[in-house]
Amino acid sequence: MNYKELADLIFPNAKDISYYEEKYPQRNLKQGAIVTRFAPSPTGFVHVGGLMQCVINRRLTEQTGGVFLLRIEDTDQKREIENGVAQIVNAVKDFDIEFDEGMINETQEKGNYGPYKQSKRADIYQAYAKYLLEQGKAYPCFATAQDLEEMRKKQEAAKIRTGYYGVWATYRNLSVEEAAAKIKEGVPYIIRFKSMGNEEKKIRHHDVIKGNIDFPENDQDIVIIKADGLPTYHFAHAVDDHLMRVTHVIRSDEWVSSIPLHLELFKALGFQTPKYCHYAPILKEEDGKKRKISKRKDPEAAVSYYHEEGIPAKAVCEYLMNIGNSNFESWRRANPDAPMSDFQFEISKMSVSGAIFDLVKLLDVSKNVISKYSKEAIYEEVLDWANRYDEELKKLLQNKEYSLAIFGIERGNTKPRKDIAKWSDVKNAISYMYDEEFFKESLDFEYAKINDHQEIKTILSLYFEKYFDISDDKQTWFDKMKDLSEELGYAREVKEYKQNPENYKGHVGDISTVLRVSLTGRQNTPDLYEIMQVLGKQSIEKRLQAIIEKD
């Protein structure tokens, strides 16, 4: 018996690999086009690091005219969760990232290089495993779990590397006749790759991000086909990246140590190796030390966190691009209004050491992004968020026209308001614009410099009786505020007060603060004139009267 006959015994129905090479031809793309993939397992939520990978991959494929695909690596079916694929698809879609190919829900897909779910590709993997068997580059292994455990204990006791390699690879040199006999007897087995590597020899690999790296050769005879007929990750990724014609594998540097194995697999299979790009993971600073951002410890590790907080998808993607490419921040300063799609991403400018995830900076980015939204865009996004997460805010937004007027305050100016960083801020940011919310407060407000209750009443009463006219334009309104200030012994201009503070009780800014706090309950708000125009005459009168009459 020879290798081919053994391969036929193990995989009698497997097609010749030429069938798949013809079925999945080289892509007809322009020179330099990048084909890359997001290949998660459906075993839990999408990690923010995975989202960053998607942001980067999408930008690279768009700017080169390439293809970005979603492949689901579900060969470890014991860990798979219900609706895991849909969760992945929807999580990424929520950030306005579209895949050119791949799974679109639990069962459907798009593209000509599928199936895009590894559990549906068993026949493909078996064809390539059979090819390796025929070449004598793979073999059936009959070691039991107990055998492997005993071997591991011996290796640990001897203080040597653990694994199935060299003299420890018990079934590596079994003759084809002996192997066939065991298979015919029904002895359980898996298929292992027969490594030709020597751990004492070095290989040099060029990583697009990390540069040249030296490794020991791989000498591990890894499992490539498990007892259930499905492949292991290492084997499946090689076959899939080849047949899907992936040009660049962009992934976290936790996979760097697998490079020697992956290179050997590609070589044994006769495949062209894709370019590997290993970026440093996102880090978190804690107690002066850096660590990887953790699913277990950090709520912001899950992309669902950003939806729950109401941080716009565009802001999250901007921030991830910022930590993904070192020159994005300077580009954004130079191009404040340009779409992110104008930015030319460079793999070589990805971090080698790891970027710190800074939630404060993310919120600053988000404030800038939101400041450029139209009032209509804000209303739609806030309402969508409130429908999912905040019933009280949803009720406040029922009057669309009034809500649009609120969101229009200080919007569209050369210096738009930046008081909203996330949609979960909105209720607190606008609640004072609604009488029912305003009058829930005790009206015992903190008035800053002028805090004498009688003086406050005097200011408000005179303003209400003599100066208040909702139809005033902004300049007229401000001139009246100055007149009111002068009449009550306050400086018309701040600079006048600063020059001769002993001549005045205060200045016009102190007077306007009294009015601001009385109408909003806050010392800091957007433009007071615009707020008053939205509140309207009736609401203003009601609020001022309540403060004046307060004991």
Protein backbone atom coordinates (compact mmCIF):
# COMPACT_ATOMS: atom_id res chain seq x y z
CA MET A 1 0.00 0.00 0.00
CA ASN A 2 1.20 3.53 -0.77
CA TYR A 3 0.31 7.03 0.45
CA LYS A 4 -2.34 7.53 -2.22
CA GLU A 5 -4.14 4.32 -1.31
CA LEU A 6 -4.08 5.31 2.36
CA ALA A 7 -5.48 8.71 1.46
CA ASP A 8 -8.26 7.05 -0.59
CA LEU A 9 -9.08 4.82 2.37
CA ILE A 10 -9.41 7.79 4.71
CA PHE A 11 -11.15 10.20 2.30
CA PRO A 12 -12.74 8.02 -0.41
CA ASN A 13 -15.15 10.72 -1.60
CA ALA A 14 -12.87 13.76 -1.46
CA LYS A 15 -12.44 15.62 -4.75
CA ASP A 16 -9.06 16.36 -6.27
CA ILE A 17 -7.84 19.81 -5.19
CA SER A 18 -7.77 20.89 -8.84
CA TYR A 19 -11.58 21.09 -8.63
CA TYR A 20 -11.39 23.79 -5.93
CA GLU A 21 -8.49 25.62 -7.55
CA GLU A 22 -10.65 25.99 -10.66
CA LYS A 23 -13.82 26.79 -8.71
CA TYR A 24 -12.13 29.62 -6.79
CA PRO A 25 -9.89 31.32 -9.37
CA GLN A 26 -7.63 34.30 -8.81
CA ARG A 27 -9.71 37.44 -8.41
CA ASN A 28 -9.90 39.85 -11.31
CA LEU A 29 -8.79 42.94 -9.40
CA LYS A 30 -6.51 45.83 -10.27
CA GLN A 31 -2.86 45.65 -9.26
CA GLY A 32 -2.30 46.49 -5.62
CA ALA A 33 -5.88 45.65 -4.57
CA ILE A 34 -6.01 44.23 -1.05
CA VAL A 35 -8.21 41.26 -0.20
CA THR A 36 -8.59 40.78 3.52
CA ARG A 37 -10.98 39.26 5.99
CA PHE A 38 -12.56 39.48 9.40
CA ALA A 39 -12.71 35.90 10.68
CA PRO A 40 -14.27 35.72 14.16
CA SER A 41 -15.67 32.73 16.00
CA PRO A 42 -19.38 32.90 16.93
CA THR A 43 -18.58 32.39 20.61
CA GLY A 44 -19.44 35.74 22.18
CA PHE A 45 -19.58 39.50 21.72
CA VAL A 46 -17.45 41.38 19.20
CA HIS A 47 -14.37 42.84 20.91
CA VAL A 48 -13.37 46.46 20.29
CA GLY A 49 -10.09 45.10 18.89
CA GLY A 50 -12.10 43.17 16.31
CA LEU A 51 -14.00 46.32 15.44
CA MET A 52 -10.71 48.19 14.95
CA GLN A 53 -9.62 45.40 12.62
CA CYS A 54 -12.83 45.90 10.63
CA VAL A 55 -12.35 49.68 10.44
CA ILE A 56 -8.80 49.20 9.15
CA ASN A 57 -9.67 46.41 6.71
CA ARG A 58 -12.61 48.37 5.29
CA ARG A 59 -10.45 51.46 4.70
CA LEU A 60 -7.63 49.47 3.09
CA THR A 61 -9.89 47.59 0.71
CA GLU A 62 -11.85 50.70 -0.25
CA GLN A 63 -8.75 52.73 -1.06
CA THR A 64 -7.17 49.93 -3.13
CA GLY A 65 -10.29 48.67 -4.89
CA GLY A 66 -10.09 45.37 -3.04
CA VAL A 67 -12.43 43.03 -1.19
CA PHE A 68 -13.31 42.78 2.51
CA LEU A 69 -15.03 39.54 3.50
CA LEU A 70 -16.57 38.07 6.64
CA ARG A 71 -15.65 34.46 7.31
CA ILE A 72 -17.10 32.66 10.31
CA GLU A 73 -14.64 30.27 11.97
CA ASP A 74 -17.04 27.92 13.72
CA THR A 75 -15.10 24.67 13.79
CA ASP A 76 -15.06 24.72 17.62
CA GLN A 77 -18.78 24.06 17.84
CA LYS A 78 -18.77 23.31 21.57
CA ARG A 79 -18.15 27.00 22.32
CA GLU A 80 -20.60 28.38 19.78
CA ILE A 81 -23.45 30.51 21.16
CA GLU A 82 -27.00 30.80 19.82
CA ASN A 83 -27.34 33.41 17.04
CA GLY A 84 -23.60 34.01 17.27
CA VAL A 85 -23.25 34.81 13.57
CA ALA A 86 -26.13 37.30 13.61
CA GLN A 87 -24.59 39.01 16.63
CA ILE A 88 -21.31 39.47 14.75
CA VAL A 89 -22.97 40.69 11.56
CA ASN A 90 -25.25 43.14 13.38
CA ALA A 91 -22.53 44.41 15.72
CA VAL A 92 -20.32 45.40 12.80
CA LYS A 93 -23.22 46.70 10.71
CA ASP A 94 -24.18 49.01 13.60
CA PHE A 95 -20.91 50.83 12.92
CA ASP A 96 -21.81 51.33 9.24
CA ILE A 97 -19.24 48.78 8.10
CA GLU A 98 -20.33 46.63 5.20
CA PHE A 99 -18.66 43.46 3.99
CA ASP A 100 -18.25 42.86 0.27
CA GLU A 101 -18.63 39.10 0.76
CA GLY A 102 -19.47 36.64 3.47
CA MET A 103 -22.20 35.82 5.92
CA ILE A 104 -25.12 38.26 6.11
CA ASN A 105 -27.08 36.37 8.80
CA GLU A 106 -27.11 32.93 10.41
CA THR A 107 -27.78 31.07 7.15
CA GLN A 108 -27.38 33.44 4.19
CA GLU A 109 -24.25 34.72 2.52
CA LYS A 110 -23.10 36.71 -0.50
CA GLY A 111 -20.09 36.25 -2.76
CA ASN A 112 -18.57 33.64 -5.06
CA TYR A 113 -15.85 32.29 -2.75
CA GLY A 114 -18.02 30.61 -0.13
CA PRO A 115 -19.25 28.87 1.84
CA TYR A 116 -18.08 31.55 4.27
CA LYS A 117 -18.82 29.41 7.30
CA GLN A 118 -16.06 26.90 8.04
CA SER A 119 -18.47 24.21 9.26
CA LYS A 120 -19.91 24.17 5.71
CA ARG A 121 -16.51 23.64 4.09
CA ALA A 122 -15.63 20.18 5.44
CA ASP A 123 -15.38 18.67 1.95
CA ILE A 124 -12.85 21.34 0.94
CA TYR A 125 -10.61 20.75 3.96
CA GLN A 126 -10.77 17.01 3.48
CA ALA A 127 -9.67 17.40 -0.15
CA TYR A 128 -6.57 19.33 0.90
CA ALA A 129 -5.90 16.99 3.84
CA LYS A 130 -6.10 14.10 1.38
CA TYR A 131 -3.61 15.93 -0.86
CA LEU A 132 -1.15 16.17 2.06
CA LEU A 133 -1.68 12.48 2.86
CA GLU A 134 -0.94 11.57 -0.75
CA GLN A 135 2.30 13.56 -0.55
CA GLY A 136 3.34 11.91 2.71
CA LYS A 137 3.02 15.31 4.43
CA ALA A 138 0.24 14.20 6.78
CA TYR A 139 -0.65 10.99 8.58
CA PRO A 140 -3.37 9.39 10.72
CA CYS A 141 -2.65 9.54 14.45
CA PHE A 142 -4.21 7.04 16.85
CA ALA A 143 -3.00 8.59 20.12
CA THR A 144 -5.74 8.74 22.73
CA ALA A 145 -6.37 11.68 25.08
CA GLN A 146 -4.83 9.54 27.83
CA ASP A 147 -1.73 8.89 25.69
CA LEU A 148 -1.29 12.61 25.07
CA GLU A 149 -1.75 13.47 28.74
CA GLU A 150 0.88 10.94 29.81
CA MET A 151 3.25 12.29 27.16
CA ARG A 152 2.74 15.84 28.38
CA LYS A 153 3.49 14.85 31.99
CA LYS A 154 6.72 13.13 30.92
CA GLN A 155 7.78 16.21 28.96
CA GLU A 156 7.06 18.51 31.90
CA ALA A 157 8.93 16.20 34.29
CA ALA A 158 11.92 16.26 31.92
CA LYS A 159 11.55 20.06 31.64
CA ILE A 160 11.36 20.04 27.87
CA ARG A 161 8.92 21.54 25.39
CA THR A 162 5.49 19.99 25.39
CA GLY A 163 3.82 18.95 22.18
CA TYR A 164 3.65 16.26 19.53
CA TYR A 165 7.00 16.42 17.73
CA GLY A 166 10.15 14.44 16.97
CA VAL A 167 10.52 11.29 19.04
CA TRP A 168 7.28 12.13 20.85
CA ALA A 169 5.32 11.87 17.61
CA THR A 170 4.52 8.20 18.21
CA TYR A 171 2.49 7.56 15.06
CA ARG A 172 4.53 9.73 12.70
CA ASN A 173 6.53 6.82 11.27
CA LEU A 174 3.83 4.18 11.33
CA SER A 175 3.84 2.35 7.99
CA VAL A 176 0.91 2.90 5.66
CA GLU A 177 0.03 -0.79 6.06
CA GLU A 178 -0.09 -0.53 9.86
CA ALA A 179 -2.11 2.68 9.67
CA ALA A 180 -4.57 1.14 7.19
CA ALA A 181 -4.98 -1.93 9.40
CA LYS A 182 -5.88 0.20 12.41
CA ILE A 183 -8.36 2.25 10.38
CA LYS A 184 -10.04 -0.92 9.09
CA GLU A 185 -10.23 -2.20 12.67
CA GLY A 186 -12.18 0.94 13.61
CA VAL A 187 -9.52 2.48 15.86
CA PRO A 188 -10.37 6.21 16.28
CA TYR A 189 -7.90 8.63 14.71
CA ILE A 190 -7.27 12.18 13.66
CA ILE A 191 -5.05 13.57 10.88
CA ARG A 192 -1.80 15.31 11.74
CA PHE A 193 0.51 17.46 9.63
CA LYS A 194 4.00 15.95 9.27
CA SER A 195 6.34 18.82 9.99
CA MET A 196 9.74 18.89 8.30
CA GLY A 197 10.99 21.67 10.56
CA ASN A 198 13.86 21.66 13.00
CA GLU A 199 13.41 23.75 16.14
CA GLU A 200 17.15 24.41 16.29
CA LYS A 201 17.10 26.12 12.89
CA LYS A 202 15.96 29.71 12.36
CA ILE A 203 13.73 31.28 9.74
CA ARG A 204 13.35 34.98 9.01
CA HIS A 205 9.96 36.40 8.19
CA HIS A 206 9.05 39.92 7.12
CA ASP A 207 5.94 41.22 8.85
CA VAL A 208 4.46 44.30 7.15
CA ILE A 209 4.08 46.07 10.51
CA LYS A 210 6.78 44.58 12.71
CA GLY A 211 9.47 44.23 10.07
CA ASN A 212 11.88 41.26 10.01
CA ILE A 213 11.40 38.69 12.77
CA ASP A 214 13.53 35.59 13.42
CA PHE A 215 11.81 32.40 14.59
CA PRO A 216 12.76 28.80 15.29
CA GLU A 217 11.33 26.54 12.60
CA ASN A 218 8.09 24.78 13.43
CA ASP A 219 8.53 21.11 14.30
CA GLN A 220 5.12 20.39 15.81
CA ASP A 221 2.96 17.77 14.10
CA ILE A 222 -0.28 19.66 14.67
CA VAL A 223 -3.75 18.20 14.21
CA ILE A 224 -5.26 19.35 10.92
CA ILE A 225 -8.46 17.27 10.83
CA LYS A 226 -10.24 16.40 14.08
CA ALA A 227 -12.20 13.24 14.85
CA ASP A 228 -15.44 14.99 13.84
CA GLY A 229 -14.06 15.61 10.34
CA LEU A 230 -13.69 19.35 10.88
CA PRO A 231 -10.34 21.12 10.64
CA THR A 232 -8.37 22.92 13.30
CA TYR A 233 -7.97 26.69 13.04
CA HIS A 234 -4.42 26.59 11.67
CA PHE A 235 -5.22 24.27 8.77
CA ALA A 236 -8.57 25.86 7.92
CA HIS A 237 -7.15 29.37 7.84
CA ALA A 238 -4.45 28.32 5.36
CA VAL A 239 -6.93 26.64 3.01
CA ASP A 240 -9.50 29.41 3.30
CA ASP A 241 -7.09 32.31 2.87
CA HIS A 242 -5.68 30.61 -0.22
CA LEU A 243 -9.00 29.77 -1.87
CA MET A 244 -10.59 33.10 -0.95
CA ARG A 245 -7.48 34.70 -2.45
CA VAL A 246 -6.68 36.76 0.64
CA THR A 247 -3.65 38.98 0.06
CA HIS A 248 -3.22 40.48 3.55
CA VAL A 249 -3.90 38.88 6.92
CA ILE A 250 -4.29 41.75 9.39
CA ARG A 251 -4.54 40.49 12.94
CA SER A 252 -3.45 41.04 16.54
CA ASP A 253 0.12 40.16 17.43
CA GLU A 254 -1.02 37.34 19.72
CA TRP A 255 -0.81 35.29 16.49
CA VAL A 256 2.84 36.14 15.77
CA SER A 257 4.09 32.93 17.42
CA SER A 258 2.02 30.92 14.89
CA ILE A 259 3.91 32.34 11.92
CA PRO A 260 6.45 29.45 11.57
CA LEU A 261 3.62 26.91 11.53
CA HIS A 262 1.53 28.92 9.07
CA LEU A 263 4.45 29.45 6.72
CA GLU A 264 5.21 25.73 6.74
CA LEU A 265 1.57 24.83 6.07
CA PHE A 266 1.38 27.20 3.10
CA LYS A 267 4.61 25.81 1.69
CA ALA A 268 3.53 22.17 2.13
CA LEU A 269 0.21 22.91 0.42
CA GLY A 270 1.91 24.72 -2.45
CA PHE A 271 0.16 28.00 -1.67
CA GLN A 272 1.46 31.53 -2.04
CA THR A 273 1.75 33.03 1.44
CA PRO A 274 -0.33 36.16 2.13
CA LYS A 275 1.30 39.21 3.66
CA TYR A 276 1.00 39.03 7.44
CA CYS A 277 0.39 42.27 9.31
CA HIS A 278 0.47 41.85 13.10
CA TYR A 279 -0.58 44.94 15.01
CA ALA A 280 -0.18 45.47 18.74
CA PRO A 281 -3.35 44.94 20.81
CA ILE A 282 -5.32 47.81 22.34
CA LEU A 283 -4.01 48.52 25.84
CA LYS A 284 -5.55 49.90 29.02
CA GLU A 285 -3.60 51.93 31.57
CA GLU A 286 -4.31 50.96 35.16
CA ASP A 287 -2.38 51.98 38.28
CA GLY A 288 0.44 53.26 36.11
CA LYS A 289 0.77 49.94 34.27
CA LYS A 290 -0.31 48.86 30.81
CA ARG A 291 -2.31 45.73 30.09
CA LYS A 292 -4.46 44.39 27.27
CA ILE A 293 -8.02 45.67 27.29
CA SER A 294 -10.01 42.82 28.81
CA LYS A 295 -13.41 41.32 28.06
CA ARG A 296 -13.67 40.39 31.71
CA LYS A 297 -12.57 43.64 33.35
CA ASP A 298 -13.45 46.43 30.92
CA PRO A 299 -17.01 47.14 29.76
CA GLU A 300 -15.62 49.18 26.85
CA ALA A 301 -14.03 46.00 25.45
CA ALA A 302 -17.45 44.98 24.07
CA VAL A 303 -18.73 46.98 21.10
CA SER A 304 -22.23 46.83 22.62
CA TYR A 305 -20.95 49.26 25.28
CA TYR A 306 -20.76 52.08 22.73
CA HIS A 307 -24.35 51.57 21.63
CA GLU A 308 -25.59 51.44 25.20
CA GLU A 309 -23.73 54.66 26.04
CA GLY A 310 -24.90 56.23 22.80
CA ILE A 311 -21.48 57.07 21.39
CA PRO A 312 -22.11 57.53 17.65
CA ALA A 313 -20.70 54.85 15.38
CA LYS A 314 -18.87 57.49 13.36
CA ALA A 315 -17.08 58.77 16.50
CA VAL A 316 -16.01 55.27 17.56
CA CYS A 317 -14.66 54.52 14.07
CA GLU A 318 -12.82 57.88 14.00
CA TYR A 319 -11.21 57.11 17.34
CA LEU A 320 -10.22 53.58 16.31
CA MET A 321 -8.70 54.97 13.12
CA ASN A 322 -6.85 57.43 15.34
CA ILE A 323 -5.23 54.67 17.40
CA GLY A 324 -4.85 52.49 14.31
CA ASN A 325 -2.73 54.91 12.27
CA SER A 326 -0.30 57.32 13.88
CA ASN A 327 -0.81 60.06 11.28
CA PHE A 328 -4.64 60.15 11.37
CA GLU A 329 -4.86 62.76 14.13
CA SER A 330 -2.70 65.28 12.25
CA TRP A 331 -4.65 64.54 9.05
CA ARG A 332 -7.92 65.21 10.84
CA ARG A 333 -6.66 68.54 12.20
CA ALA A 334 -5.69 69.56 8.67
CA ASN A 335 -8.98 68.25 7.22
CA PRO A 336 -11.62 68.86 9.94
CA ASP A 337 -14.60 68.51 7.64
CA ALA A 338 -13.36 65.79 5.25
CA PRO A 339 -15.01 62.35 5.35
CA MET A 340 -12.86 59.64 6.89
CA SER A 341 -12.93 57.89 3.52
CA ASP A 342 -10.53 60.56 2.22
CA PHE A 343 -7.82 59.39 4.62
CA GLN A 344 -5.15 57.15 3.10
CA PHE A 345 -4.45 54.40 5.62
CA GLU A 346 -0.87 53.08 5.74
CA ILE A 347 -0.22 49.66 7.25
CA SER A 348 3.36 50.69 7.99
CA LYS A 349 2.07 53.38 10.37
CA MET A 350 0.24 50.94 12.61
CA SER A 351 1.48 50.68 16.18
CA VAL A 352 4.18 48.15 17.02
CA SER A 353 4.06 48.79 20.76
CA GLY A 354 0.31 49.06 21.35
CA ALA A 355 -2.01 52.05 21.64
CA ILE A 356 -3.60 53.08 24.94
CA PHE A 357 -7.39 53.11 24.87
CA ASP A 358 -8.39 56.50 26.31
CA LEU A 359 -12.10 56.85 26.97
CA VAL A 360 -11.73 60.58 27.71
CA LYS A 361 -10.14 61.13 24.30
CA LEU A 362 -12.84 59.04 22.64
CA LEU A 363 -15.48 61.32 24.17
CA ASP A 364 -13.58 64.39 22.94
CA VAL A 365 -13.58 62.90 19.44
CA SER A 366 -17.28 62.18 19.85
CA LYS A 367 -18.01 65.80 20.86
CA ASN A 368 -16.30 67.01 17.71
CA VAL A 369 -18.17 64.52 15.53
CA ILE A 370 -21.55 65.39 17.07
CA SER A 371 -20.84 69.14 16.78
CA LYS A 372 -20.84 68.73 12.99
CA TYR A 373 -24.22 66.95 12.89
CA SER A 374 -27.29 68.76 11.60
CA LYS A 375 -30.14 69.11 14.07
CA GLU A 376 -32.11 66.60 12.01
CA ALA A 377 -29.30 64.02 12.19
CA ILE A 378 -29.01 64.47 15.95
CA TYR A 379 -32.75 64.11 16.42
CA GLU A 380 -32.92 60.89 14.40
CA GLU A 381 -29.95 59.27 16.16
CA VAL A 382 -31.03 60.36 19.64
CA LEU A 383 -34.58 59.13 19.04
CA ASP A 384 -33.27 55.79 17.77
CA TRP A 385 -31.08 55.45 20.87
CA ALA A 386 -33.92 56.48 23.20
CA ASN A 387 -36.25 53.92 21.62
CA ARG A 388 -33.81 51.23 22.72
CA TYR A 389 -32.44 52.54 25.99
CA ASP A 390 -34.32 55.49 27.55
CA GLU A 391 -38.11 55.65 27.77
CA GLU A 392 -38.09 59.04 29.54
CA LEU A 393 -35.99 60.65 26.83
CA LYS A 394 -38.19 59.08 24.19
CA LYS A 395 -41.22 60.86 25.71
CA LEU A 396 -39.42 64.20 25.71
CA LEU A 397 -38.68 63.82 22.00
CA GLN A 398 -42.26 63.20 20.92
CA ASN A 399 -42.70 66.84 19.84
CA LYS A 400 -40.36 66.66 16.88
CA GLU A 401 -40.57 70.33 15.92
CA TYR A 402 -39.70 71.48 19.45
CA SER A 403 -36.91 68.90 19.72
CA LEU A 404 -35.41 70.08 16.43
CA ALA A 405 -35.48 73.65 17.72
CA ILE A 406 -33.56 72.55 20.84
CA PHE A 407 -30.96 70.63 18.84
CA GLY A 408 -30.63 73.62 16.48
CA ILE A 409 -29.32 75.87 19.27
CA GLU A 410 -25.74 76.90 18.42
CA ARG A 411 -25.61 74.44 15.56
CA GLY A 412 -24.29 75.25 12.12
CA ASN A 413 -22.13 78.09 13.46
CA THR A 414 -18.39 78.45 12.88
CA LYS A 415 -17.99 77.38 16.53
CA PRO A 416 -20.84 74.91 17.17
CA ARG A 417 -21.73 73.71 20.65
CA LYS A 418 -19.76 70.76 22.01
CA ASP A 419 -21.71 69.89 25.15
CA ILE A 420 -22.88 66.47 23.96
CA ALA A 421 -20.40 63.57 23.83
CA LYS A 422 -22.89 60.70 23.71
CA TRP A 423 -26.61 60.21 23.40
CA SER A 424 -26.87 59.17 27.04
CA ASP A 425 -25.86 62.79 27.85
CA VAL A 426 -28.81 64.25 25.97
CA LYS A 427 -31.55 63.90 28.57
CA ASN A 428 -29.51 65.80 31.13
CA ALA A 429 -28.34 68.30 28.49
CA ILE A 430 -31.86 69.28 27.36
CA SER A 431 -34.21 68.43 30.24
CA TYR A 432 -34.39 72.08 31.43
CA MET A 433 -35.95 72.98 28.07
CA TYR A 434 -39.14 71.20 29.14
CA ASP A 435 -41.33 72.85 31.78
CA GLU A 436 -42.39 69.55 33.29
CA GLU A 437 -38.74 68.65 33.89
CA PHE A 438 -37.67 72.15 34.95
CA PHE A 439 -40.32 72.39 37.65
CA LYS A 440 -39.39 69.03 39.10
CA GLU A 441 -36.40 70.84 40.64
CA SER A 442 -36.65 72.73 43.92
CA LEU A 443 -35.63 76.00 42.19
CA ASP A 444 -32.93 76.45 44.85
CA PHE A 445 -30.32 77.12 42.23
CA GLU A 446 -26.69 78.15 42.69
CA TYR A 447 -26.34 81.60 41.19
CA ALA A 448 -22.56 82.13 41.13
CA LYS A 449 -21.46 85.68 42.03
CA ILE A 450 -24.89 87.19 42.63
CA ASN A 451 -26.54 84.88 45.13
CA ASP A 452 -28.55 87.20 47.37
CA HIS A 453 -32.18 86.16 46.94
CA GLN A 454 -33.55 89.71 47.21
CA GLU A 455 -31.06 91.02 44.64
CA ILE A 456 -32.00 88.19 42.30
CA LYS A 457 -35.68 89.08 42.66
CA THR A 458 -34.91 92.74 41.94
CA ILE A 459 -32.97 91.87 38.79
CA LEU A 460 -35.61 89.48 37.48
CA SER A 461 -38.54 91.77 38.33
CA LEU A 462 -37.02 94.77 36.56
CA TYR A 463 -36.07 92.67 33.53
CA PHE A 464 -39.53 91.12 33.39
CA GLU A 465 -41.40 94.45 33.75
CA LYS A 466 -39.22 96.74 31.61
CA TYR A 467 -36.88 94.87 29.27
CA PHE A 468 -38.38 91.50 28.32
CA ASP A 469 -39.66 91.24 24.75
CA ILE A 470 -39.47 87.83 23.03
CA SER A 471 -39.53 89.50 19.60
CA ASP A 472 -36.20 91.32 20.15
CA ASP A 473 -33.35 90.39 17.84
CA LYS A 474 -30.11 89.28 19.45
CA GLN A 475 -28.35 92.65 19.41
CA THR A 476 -31.39 94.45 20.83
CA TRP A 477 -31.69 91.80 23.55
CA PHE A 478 -28.05 92.17 24.50
CA ASP A 479 -28.25 95.97 24.54
CA LYS A 480 -31.19 95.69 26.92
CA MET A 481 -29.15 93.43 29.19
CA LYS A 482 -26.56 96.20 29.33
CA ASP A 483 -29.24 98.80 30.07
CA LEU A 484 -30.59 96.60 32.86
CA SER A 485 -27.11 96.21 34.29
CA GLU A 486 -26.46 99.96 34.26
CA GLU A 487 -29.81 100.75 35.87
CA LEU A 488 -29.02 98.38 38.77
CA GLY A 489 -25.47 99.59 39.33
CA TYR A 490 -23.56 96.97 37.32
CA ALA A 491 -21.04 97.71 34.58
CA ARG A 492 -22.32 97.56 31.00
CA GLU A 493 -19.05 95.93 29.89
CA VAL A 494 -16.83 93.38 31.66
CA LYS A 495 -13.73 95.45 30.88
CA GLU A 496 -15.27 98.52 32.54
CA TYR A 497 -15.74 96.54 35.70
CA LYS A 498 -12.20 95.19 35.61
CA GLN A 499 -10.79 98.70 35.23
CA ASN A 500 -12.81 100.15 38.13
CA PRO A 501 -14.33 97.31 40.19
CA GLU A 502 -14.98 99.61 43.16
CA ASN A 503 -17.49 101.62 41.07
CA TYR A 504 -19.83 98.70 40.33
CA LYS A 505 -21.65 95.83 42.04
CA GLY A 506 -20.54 93.59 39.19
CA HIS A 507 -20.93 93.48 35.41
CA VAL A 508 -23.34 92.51 32.65
CA GLY A 509 -22.06 88.92 32.70
CA ASP A 510 -23.19 88.55 36.31
CA ILE A 511 -26.65 89.85 35.38
CA SER A 512 -26.98 87.48 32.42
CA THR A 513 -25.89 84.59 34.68
CA VAL A 514 -28.80 85.37 37.01
CA LEU A 515 -31.17 85.19 34.05
CA ARG A 516 -29.50 82.04 32.70
CA VAL A 517 -29.71 80.18 36.01
CA SER A 518 -33.29 81.32 36.61
CA LEU A 519 -34.38 80.00 33.21
CA THR A 520 -32.32 76.81 33.07
CA GLY A 521 -31.15 75.97 36.60
CA ARG A 522 -27.55 75.93 35.28
CA GLN A 523 -24.63 78.30 35.15
CA ASN A 524 -23.26 76.85 31.91
CA THR A 525 -25.51 76.37 28.89
CA PRO A 526 -25.41 77.08 25.17
CA ASP A 527 -26.32 80.56 23.95
CA LEU A 528 -28.90 82.12 26.31
CA TYR A 529 -30.63 84.21 23.65
CA GLU A 530 -31.19 81.13 21.47
CA ILE A 531 -32.46 79.17 24.49
CA MET A 532 -35.00 81.92 25.21
CA GLN A 533 -36.18 81.96 21.61
CA VAL A 534 -36.88 78.22 21.81
CA LEU A 535 -38.49 78.35 25.26
CA GLY A 536 -40.89 81.04 24.11
CA LYS A 537 -42.69 83.85 25.95
CA GLN A 538 -45.08 81.75 27.99
CA SER A 539 -42.44 79.42 29.41
CA ILE A 540 -40.05 82.28 30.22
CA GLU A 541 -42.75 84.22 32.05
CA LYS A 542 -43.77 81.15 34.00
CA ARG A 543 -40.21 80.42 35.11
CA LEU A 544 -39.27 83.98 36.02
CA GLN A 545 -42.50 84.45 37.94
CA ALA A 546 -41.83 81.26 39.91
CA ILE A 547 -38.38 82.50 40.97
CA ILE A 548 -39.64 86.00 41.81
CA GLU A 549 -42.48 84.66 43.94
CA LYS A 550 -40.31 82.10 45.69
CA ASP A 551 -39.89 82.67 49.45
